[in-house]
Every structure is written in structure tokens, then in C-alpha cells.
Amino acid sequence: MNMKWLTYGILFGGAVGAITALFSAPSSGEELRKQIREQKDEWCRWLQELNIHLHNLQTSVQHTTKEGKEVLSELITDLKQSFHQWRHEMKPHENLLKQEIAEIHKALTELEQKLNHS
């Protein structure tokens, strides 16, 4: 969800709730105007604080995202290098293993033949 629309939704919902609460409470016109002025100042302070917190959150998310991309990129590079190094180191062993498997296969075949002739 877009942070801008979420902020608008919170602000609009809060404003509607505050206005509804003010108009539904029984009070005189003078008291109502006084309450509106007081609420307006409180809401302005609250909105300024919310704006600061949202800006800090946005900056933090951007920083974290950038840092995460860098770490992930380094990790992928390191994994590729490690895999290529392992593959290079295993190449001589691969040939030895193939030879040993071929010898085992040959020995099993000979053993089967001897068992079949017995």
C-alpha cells in the first residue's frame, strides 16, 4: 500500500472522528468553538509529529532497502565465487571418483559372471 494514501486515510479518519465527537457532545456554541480551537491546535501538533515520524520511517525504509540490496548483492557474489572455487577444487576428485566407480562396476560384473558360472 502506498504510504501517502495510508497517511491520508489516517488523517481523514481522525479528522472525521474528532468532528463527529465534537458535534455529538452536548455543549453551547461558545464551548463548542473553544473546543474546536483547542482540538485544532492539538491536531496540528499531532499532524506535525506524524509527518516527522512518517518521514523518519520513509528514510529508514529507504536506507534499509538500499543496505539490504548491497548485502544481498555481496552474498550472491560470494556464493558464486565459493561455488566456482569448490567446483574447481573438486574436478580432480571427480575424475578419481569416476574411475573408482568404473572399477567397482567392473568388479561387480566380474563377480556376477563368476557367480553365474558356478
Protein backbone atom coordinates (compact mmCIF):
# COMPACT_ATOMS: atom_id res chain seq x y z
CA MET A 1 0.00 0.00 0.00
CA ASN A 2 1.24 3.45 -0.84
CA MET A 3 2.37 5.27 2.34
CA LYS A 4 0.90 8.53 1.04
CA TRP A 5 -2.62 7.09 0.81
CA LEU A 6 -2.30 5.42 4.19
CA THR A 7 -1.36 8.77 5.73
CA TYR A 8 -4.30 10.49 4.03
CA GLY A 9 -6.62 7.77 5.29
CA ILE A 10 -5.39 8.12 8.87
CA LEU A 11 -5.68 11.90 8.76
CA PHE A 12 -9.12 11.91 7.19
CA GLY A 13 -10.43 9.24 9.56
CA GLY A 14 -9.04 11.08 12.57
CA ALA A 15 -10.50 14.40 11.45
CA VAL A 16 -13.93 12.88 10.83
CA GLY A 17 -13.81 11.17 14.22
CA ALA A 18 -12.83 14.37 16.00
CA ILE A 19 -15.51 16.44 14.29
CA THR A 20 -18.14 13.80 15.00
CA ALA A 21 -17.14 13.69 18.66
CA LEU A 22 -17.26 17.48 18.96
CA PHE A 23 -20.65 17.88 17.34
CA SER A 24 -22.26 14.95 19.09
CA ALA A 25 -21.27 16.13 22.58
CA PRO A 26 -23.85 18.43 24.21
CA SER A 27 -22.35 21.90 24.66
CA SER A 28 -23.11 25.53 23.94
CA GLY A 29 -21.94 27.29 20.81
CA GLU A 30 -19.24 29.17 22.69
CA GLU A 31 -17.96 25.99 24.34
CA LEU A 32 -18.03 24.20 21.01
CA ARG A 33 -15.94 26.92 19.34
CA LYS A 34 -13.47 26.81 22.22
CA GLN A 35 -13.23 23.04 21.98
CA ILE A 36 -12.71 23.26 18.22
CA ARG A 37 -9.87 25.78 18.66
CA GLU A 38 -8.23 23.59 21.30
CA GLN A 39 -8.69 20.45 19.24
CA LYS A 40 -7.35 22.23 16.15
CA ASP A 41 -4.11 23.11 17.93
CA GLU A 42 -3.76 19.58 19.27
CA TRP A 43 -4.46 18.09 15.84
CA CYS A 44 -1.95 20.42 14.20
CA ARG A 45 0.73 19.35 16.68
CA TRP A 46 -0.23 15.71 16.22
CA LEU A 47 -0.11 16.04 12.42
CA GLN A 48 3.31 17.69 12.57
CA GLU A 49 4.60 14.87 14.78
CA LEU A 50 3.03 12.28 12.49
CA ASN A 51 4.65 13.92 9.48
CA ILE A 52 8.05 13.84 11.19
CA HIS A 53 7.62 10.18 12.18
CA LEU A 54 6.47 9.19 8.70
CA HIS A 55 9.42 10.99 7.15
CA ASN A 56 11.78 9.21 9.55
CA LEU A 57 10.10 5.89 8.72
CA GLN A 58 10.42 6.54 5.00
CA THR A 59 14.11 7.42 5.38
CA SER A 60 14.70 4.33 7.50
CA VAL A 61 12.93 2.04 5.00
CA GLN A 62 14.90 3.53 2.11
CA HIS A 63 18.18 3.08 3.98
CA THR A 64 17.31 -0.46 4.99
CA THR A 65 16.27 -1.35 1.44
CA LYS A 66 19.49 0.05 -0.01
CA GLU A 67 21.58 -1.72 2.61
CA GLY A 68 19.69 -4.98 2.03
CA LYS A 69 20.30 -4.81 -1.71
CA GLU A 70 24.01 -4.25 -1.14
CA VAL A 71 24.28 -7.14 1.31
CA LEU A 72 22.31 -9.44 -0.98
CA SER A 73 24.47 -8.50 -3.95
CA GLU A 74 27.64 -9.21 -1.96
CA LEU A 75 26.21 -12.52 -0.74
CA ILE A 76 25.36 -13.63 -4.27
CA THR A 77 28.84 -12.69 -5.49
CA ASP A 78 30.47 -14.56 -2.59
CA LEU A 79 28.31 -17.64 -3.18
CA LYS A 80 29.17 -17.70 -6.88
CA GLN A 81 32.88 -17.41 -6.12
CA SER A 82 32.68 -20.13 -3.47
CA PHE A 83 30.79 -22.44 -5.83
CA HIS A 84 33.27 -21.91 -8.66
CA GLN A 85 36.19 -22.47 -6.28
CA TRP A 86 34.61 -25.64 -4.90
CA ARG A 87 33.89 -26.87 -8.40
CA HIS A 88 37.48 -26.22 -9.44
CA GLU A 89 38.83 -28.00 -6.35
CA MET A 90 36.53 -30.99 -6.89
CA LYS A 91 37.41 -31.51 -10.56
CA PRO A 92 40.42 -33.79 -9.88
CA HIS A 93 38.42 -35.76 -7.33
CA GLU A 94 35.56 -36.10 -9.79
CA ASN A 95 37.79 -37.94 -12.24
CA LEU A 96 39.11 -40.19 -9.45
CA LEU A 97 35.57 -40.97 -8.32
CA LYS A 98 34.54 -41.82 -11.87
CA GLN A 99 37.49 -44.17 -12.19
CA GLU A 100 36.73 -45.84 -8.86
CA ILE A 101 33.04 -46.23 -9.80
CA ALA A 102 34.06 -47.77 -13.12
CA GLU A 103 36.41 -50.20 -11.32
CA ILE A 104 33.66 -51.13 -8.82
CA HIS A 105 31.23 -51.65 -11.69
CA LYS A 106 33.78 -53.83 -13.47
CA ALA A 107 34.46 -55.84 -10.29
CA LEU A 108 30.71 -56.37 -9.75
CA THR A 109 30.26 -57.51 -13.34
CA GLU A 110 33.12 -59.98 -12.99
CA LEU A 111 31.71 -61.21 -9.68
CA GLU A 112 28.27 -61.70 -11.26
CA GLN A 113 29.82 -63.65 -14.11
CA LYS A 114 31.75 -65.88 -11.68
CA LEU A 115 28.61 -66.47 -9.64
CA ASN A 116 26.59 -67.29 -12.74
CA HIS A 117 29.25 -69.81 -13.93
CA SER A 118 29.44 -71.51 -10.57
